[in-house]
N, C-alpha and C. Protein backbone atom coordinates (compact mmCIF):
# COMPACT_ATOMS: atom_id res chain seq x y z
N MET A 1 -68.30 -40.29 -8.18
CA MET A 1 -67.30 -40.84 -9.06
C MET A 1 -66.12 -39.90 -9.16
N SER A 2 -64.99 -40.45 -9.03
CA SER A 2 -63.77 -39.67 -9.09
C SER A 2 -63.14 -39.81 -10.47
N THR A 3 -62.63 -38.71 -10.99
CA THR A 3 -62.00 -38.74 -12.31
C THR A 3 -60.49 -38.59 -12.21
N THR A 4 -59.93 -38.82 -11.06
CA THR A 4 -58.48 -38.72 -10.91
C THR A 4 -57.81 -39.90 -11.61
N PRO A 5 -56.76 -39.64 -12.36
CA PRO A 5 -56.09 -40.74 -13.07
C PRO A 5 -55.34 -41.63 -12.09
N GLU A 6 -55.14 -42.85 -12.51
CA GLU A 6 -54.38 -43.80 -11.69
C GLU A 6 -52.92 -43.37 -11.67
N PRO A 7 -52.27 -43.40 -10.52
CA PRO A 7 -50.85 -43.04 -10.48
C PRO A 7 -50.02 -44.08 -11.24
N GLU A 8 -49.03 -43.58 -11.99
CA GLU A 8 -48.16 -44.47 -12.74
C GLU A 8 -47.15 -45.11 -11.78
N PRO A 9 -46.81 -46.36 -12.02
CA PRO A 9 -45.82 -47.01 -11.15
C PRO A 9 -44.45 -46.34 -11.33
N ARG A 10 -43.77 -46.19 -10.23
CA ARG A 10 -42.45 -45.57 -10.26
C ARG A 10 -41.40 -46.58 -10.70
N ALA A 11 -40.37 -46.05 -11.35
CA ALA A 11 -39.25 -46.90 -11.75
C ALA A 11 -38.48 -47.27 -10.49
N PRO A 12 -37.96 -48.47 -10.43
CA PRO A 12 -37.20 -48.86 -9.23
C PRO A 12 -35.94 -48.03 -9.11
N ARG A 13 -35.61 -47.68 -7.90
CA ARG A 13 -34.41 -46.90 -7.64
C ARG A 13 -33.19 -47.80 -7.74
N PRO A 14 -32.06 -47.27 -8.20
CA PRO A 14 -30.85 -48.10 -8.25
C PRO A 14 -30.44 -48.52 -6.85
N ALA A 15 -29.98 -49.73 -6.75
CA ALA A 15 -29.56 -50.26 -5.45
C ALA A 15 -28.20 -49.69 -5.06
N LEU A 16 -28.02 -49.47 -3.80
CA LEU A 16 -26.72 -49.02 -3.30
C LEU A 16 -25.79 -50.22 -3.21
N VAL A 17 -24.57 -50.04 -3.68
CA VAL A 17 -23.57 -51.11 -3.66
C VAL A 17 -22.46 -50.69 -2.71
N PHE A 18 -22.19 -51.53 -1.72
CA PHE A 18 -21.19 -51.21 -0.72
C PHE A 18 -19.93 -52.05 -0.88
N ASP A 19 -19.65 -52.48 -2.13
CA ASP A 19 -18.41 -53.23 -2.40
C ASP A 19 -17.22 -52.30 -2.29
N ASP A 20 -16.06 -52.90 -2.15
CA ASP A 20 -14.82 -52.13 -2.11
C ASP A 20 -14.49 -51.65 -3.52
N PRO A 21 -14.48 -50.35 -3.79
CA PRO A 21 -14.22 -49.87 -5.14
C PRO A 21 -12.80 -50.17 -5.63
N LEU A 22 -11.88 -50.42 -4.71
CA LEU A 22 -10.51 -50.72 -5.12
C LEU A 22 -10.36 -52.15 -5.64
N ASP A 23 -11.37 -52.99 -5.43
CA ASP A 23 -11.33 -54.35 -5.94
C ASP A 23 -11.75 -54.41 -7.41
N GLN A 24 -12.32 -53.34 -7.94
CA GLN A 24 -12.81 -53.33 -9.31
C GLN A 24 -11.74 -52.76 -10.24
N GLN A 25 -11.61 -53.36 -11.41
CA GLN A 25 -10.63 -52.89 -12.38
C GLN A 25 -11.19 -51.70 -13.15
N THR A 26 -10.37 -50.68 -13.32
CA THR A 26 -10.78 -49.50 -14.07
C THR A 26 -10.04 -49.47 -15.40
N SER A 27 -10.40 -48.52 -16.25
CA SER A 27 -9.71 -48.42 -17.54
C SER A 27 -8.26 -47.99 -17.35
N ASP A 28 -7.94 -47.36 -16.24
CA ASP A 28 -6.55 -46.97 -15.99
C ASP A 28 -5.68 -48.16 -15.61
N ASP A 29 -6.30 -49.26 -15.20
CA ASP A 29 -5.54 -50.45 -14.82
C ASP A 29 -5.07 -51.26 -16.02
N THR A 30 -5.52 -50.90 -17.20
CA THR A 30 -5.14 -51.65 -18.39
C THR A 30 -4.19 -50.81 -19.24
N ASP A 31 -3.55 -51.44 -20.19
CA ASP A 31 -2.65 -50.73 -21.10
C ASP A 31 -3.41 -50.10 -22.25
N ARG A 32 -4.67 -50.40 -22.37
CA ARG A 32 -5.47 -49.87 -23.48
C ARG A 32 -5.64 -48.37 -23.32
N GLY A 33 -5.38 -47.65 -24.38
CA GLY A 33 -5.58 -46.21 -24.35
C GLY A 33 -4.38 -45.41 -23.90
N TRP A 34 -3.25 -46.05 -23.71
CA TRP A 34 -2.06 -45.34 -23.25
C TRP A 34 -1.06 -45.13 -24.37
N GLY A 35 -1.53 -45.07 -25.61
CA GLY A 35 -0.66 -44.77 -26.72
C GLY A 35 -0.15 -45.97 -27.48
N GLU A 36 -0.50 -47.16 -27.04
CA GLU A 36 -0.06 -48.33 -27.78
C GLU A 36 -0.80 -48.36 -29.10
N ARG A 37 -0.09 -48.74 -30.11
CA ARG A 37 -0.69 -48.85 -31.43
C ARG A 37 -0.70 -50.31 -31.84
N PRO A 38 -1.64 -50.67 -32.70
CA PRO A 38 -1.65 -52.05 -33.17
C PRO A 38 -0.38 -52.37 -33.95
N GLU A 39 -0.06 -53.62 -34.02
CA GLU A 39 1.15 -54.04 -34.74
C GLU A 39 1.05 -53.56 -36.18
N GLY A 40 2.13 -53.00 -36.68
CA GLY A 40 2.13 -52.49 -38.04
C GLY A 40 3.45 -52.78 -38.71
N ASP A 41 3.62 -52.21 -39.86
CA ASP A 41 4.87 -52.44 -40.60
C ASP A 41 5.92 -51.41 -40.18
N GLY A 42 7.15 -51.63 -40.62
CA GLY A 42 8.25 -50.75 -40.25
C GLY A 42 8.11 -49.35 -40.80
N ALA A 43 7.52 -49.22 -41.98
CA ALA A 43 7.35 -47.90 -42.59
C ALA A 43 6.40 -47.04 -41.76
N ALA A 44 5.34 -47.64 -41.22
CA ALA A 44 4.40 -46.89 -40.39
C ALA A 44 5.07 -46.45 -39.09
N ASP A 45 5.93 -47.30 -38.54
CA ASP A 45 6.66 -46.93 -37.32
C ASP A 45 7.61 -45.77 -37.57
N LEU A 46 8.31 -45.81 -38.72
CA LEU A 46 9.23 -44.73 -39.06
C LEU A 46 8.46 -43.43 -39.28
N LYS A 47 7.34 -43.49 -39.94
CA LYS A 47 6.52 -42.30 -40.17
C LYS A 47 6.05 -41.71 -38.85
N ARG A 48 5.61 -42.57 -37.93
CA ARG A 48 5.17 -42.09 -36.62
C ARG A 48 6.33 -41.45 -35.87
N PHE A 49 7.50 -42.08 -35.92
CA PHE A 49 8.68 -41.53 -35.25
C PHE A 49 9.02 -40.14 -35.79
N LEU A 50 9.01 -40.00 -37.11
CA LEU A 50 9.34 -38.71 -37.71
C LEU A 50 8.26 -37.66 -37.44
N ASP A 51 7.00 -38.08 -37.37
CA ASP A 51 5.91 -37.14 -37.08
C ASP A 51 5.94 -36.66 -35.64
N GLU A 52 6.35 -37.51 -34.72
CA GLU A 52 6.29 -37.18 -33.30
C GLU A 52 7.63 -36.70 -32.74
N LYS A 53 8.64 -36.62 -33.56
CA LYS A 53 9.97 -36.21 -33.09
C LYS A 53 9.95 -34.72 -32.74
N PRO A 54 10.46 -34.36 -31.58
CA PRO A 54 10.49 -32.94 -31.19
C PRO A 54 11.39 -32.13 -32.13
N PRO A 55 11.11 -30.86 -32.31
CA PRO A 55 11.88 -30.03 -33.24
C PRO A 55 13.38 -29.96 -32.91
N HIS A 56 13.75 -30.06 -31.65
CA HIS A 56 15.16 -29.95 -31.30
C HIS A 56 15.94 -31.23 -31.62
N HIS A 57 15.30 -32.26 -32.16
CA HIS A 57 15.97 -33.49 -32.54
C HIS A 57 16.22 -33.56 -34.04
N LEU A 58 16.08 -32.45 -34.74
CA LEU A 58 16.28 -32.48 -36.19
C LEU A 58 17.74 -32.63 -36.55
């Protein structure tokens, strides 16, 4: 009688994909994340402008 444990089944390996990577859209292809802010009121826009204005524009 053998007391060796049964081997556990291995997880399947990820499949290789040979699609053209340039056909897929990346996060860089969208405008999301490039500094656009949601629509707001004029006061918020003015505050942002004053906060982000370079010192030599005073």
